[in-house]
């Protein structure tokens, strides 16, 4: 969640990427924040149980 100037809250998706030299030392980070509308968030919540049940069914079929 992110606060707006008016004090409201907005759902966001946040990605953070480490920036490193070719020899592996981290020299910084960058971020990308995107607004996630409530409708999309709701769709994701509704789809998740279906995805989990499908994965469980497929896992059960592997042993048969």
C-alpha atoms as a PDB file:
ATOM      1  CA  UNK A   1       0.000   0.000   0.000  1.00  0.00           C
ATOM      2  CA  UNK A   2       1.113   3.515  -0.695  1.00  0.00           C
ATOM      3  CA  UNK A   3      -0.248   6.746   0.750  1.00  0.00           C
ATOM      4  CA  UNK A   4      -1.509   9.442  -1.605  1.00  0.00           C
ATOM      5  CA  UNK A   5      -1.076  13.167  -1.051  1.00  0.00           C
ATOM      6  CA  UNK A   6      -4.671  13.313   0.146  1.00  0.00           C
ATOM      7  CA  UNK A   7      -4.055  10.619   2.759  1.00  0.00           C
ATOM      8  CA  UNK A   8      -5.793   7.807   0.900  1.00  0.00           C
ATOM      9  CA  UNK A   9      -4.233   4.429   0.240  1.00  0.00           C
ATOM     10  CA  UNK A  10      -3.428   2.915  -3.151  1.00  0.00           C
ATOM     11  CA  UNK A  11      -2.459  -0.688  -3.842  1.00  0.00           C
ATOM     12  CA  UNK A  12       0.852  -1.084  -5.668  1.00  0.00           C
ATOM     13  CA  UNK A  13       3.068  -3.825  -6.999  1.00  0.00           C
ATOM     14  CA  UNK A  14       6.694  -3.195  -6.053  1.00  0.00           C
ATOM     15  CA  UNK A  15       9.770  -4.728  -7.677  1.00  0.00           C
ATOM     16  CA  UNK A  16      13.257  -4.075  -6.381  1.00  0.00           C
ATOM     17  CA  UNK A  17      16.338  -4.912  -8.437  1.00  0.00           C
ATOM     18  CA  UNK A  18      19.870  -5.079  -7.063  1.00  0.00           C
ATOM     19  CA  UNK A  19      22.503  -3.335  -9.174  1.00  0.00           C
ATOM     20  CA  UNK A  20      25.884  -5.021  -8.993  1.00  0.00           C
ATOM     21  CA  UNK A  21      29.284  -4.942 -10.613  1.00  0.00           C
ATOM     22  CA  UNK A  22      30.410  -7.814 -12.815  1.00  0.00           C
ATOM     23  CA  UNK A  23      32.334  -9.274  -9.847  1.00  0.00           C
ATOM     24  CA  UNK A  24      29.220  -9.434  -7.651  1.00  0.00           C
ATOM     25  CA  UNK A  25      29.439  -6.430  -5.335  1.00  0.00           C
ATOM     26  CA  UNK A  26      26.094  -4.684  -4.948  1.00  0.00           C
ATOM     27  CA  UNK A  27      26.422  -0.987  -5.771  1.00  0.00           C
ATOM     28  CA  UNK A  28      22.785   0.071  -5.456  1.00  0.00           C
ATOM     29  CA  UNK A  29      19.181  -0.792  -6.142  1.00  0.00           C
ATOM     30  CA  UNK A  30      16.382   0.360  -8.397  1.00  0.00           C
ATOM     31  CA  UNK A  31      12.649   0.020  -7.925  1.00  0.00           C
ATOM     32  CA  UNK A  32       9.528  -0.032 -10.032  1.00  0.00           C
ATOM     33  CA  UNK A  33       6.199   0.708  -8.360  1.00  0.00           C
ATOM     34  CA  UNK A  34       2.985   0.169 -10.333  1.00  0.00           C
ATOM     35  CA  UNK A  35      -0.574   0.942  -9.377  1.00  0.00           C
ATOM     36  CA  UNK A  36      -2.709  -2.190  -8.983  1.00  0.00           C
ATOM     37  CA  UNK A  37      -6.427  -1.412  -9.244  1.00  0.00           C
ATOM     38  CA  UNK A  38      -8.768  -3.075  -6.765  1.00  0.00           C
ATOM     39  CA  UNK A  39     -10.428  -5.017  -9.595  1.00  0.00           C
ATOM     40  CA  UNK A  40      -7.158  -6.680 -10.615  1.00  0.00           C
ATOM     41  CA  UNK A  41      -6.320  -7.416  -6.991  1.00  0.00           C
ATOM     42  CA  UNK A  42      -9.737  -9.053  -6.569  1.00  0.00           C
ATOM     43  CA  UNK A  43      -9.289 -11.140  -9.703  1.00  0.00           C
ATOM     44  CA  UNK A  44      -5.936 -12.377  -8.431  1.00  0.00           C
ATOM     45  CA  UNK A  45      -7.411 -13.309  -5.048  1.00  0.00           C
ATOM     46  CA  UNK A  46     -10.241 -15.244  -6.697  1.00  0.00           C
ATOM     47  CA  UNK A  47      -7.907 -17.041  -9.117  1.00  0.00           C
ATOM     48  CA  UNK A  48      -5.371 -18.139  -6.496  1.00  0.00           C
ATOM     49  CA  UNK A  49      -7.441 -20.909  -4.830  1.00  0.00           C
ATOM     50  CA  UNK A  50      -8.239 -22.343  -8.279  1.00  0.00           C
ATOM     51  CA  UNK A  51      -4.546 -22.375  -9.187  1.00  0.00           C
ATOM     52  CA  UNK A  52      -3.627 -24.059  -5.909  1.00  0.00           C
ATOM     53  CA  UNK A  53      -6.285 -26.757  -6.282  1.00  0.00           C
ATOM     54  CA  UNK A  54      -5.171 -27.462  -9.867  1.00  0.00           C
ATOM     55  CA  UNK A  55      -1.559 -27.815  -8.725  1.00  0.00           C
ATOM     56  CA  UNK A  56      -2.601 -30.195  -5.931  1.00  0.00           C
ATOM     57  CA  UNK A  57      -4.602 -32.346  -8.346  1.00  0.00           C
ATOM     58  CA  UNK A  58      -1.694 -32.535 -10.774  1.00  0.00           C
ATOM     59  CA  UNK A  59       0.695 -33.442  -7.959  1.00  0.00           C
ATOM     60  CA  UNK A  60      -1.651 -36.241  -6.871  1.00  0.00           C
ATOM     61  CA  UNK A  61      -1.772 -37.668 -10.406  1.00  0.00           C
ATOM     62  CA  UNK A  62       2.007 -37.933 -10.624  1.00  0.00           C
ATOM     63  CA  UNK A  63       2.135 -40.844  -8.171  1.00  0.00           C
ATOM     64  CA  UNK A  64      -0.577 -42.906  -9.909  1.00  0.00           C
END
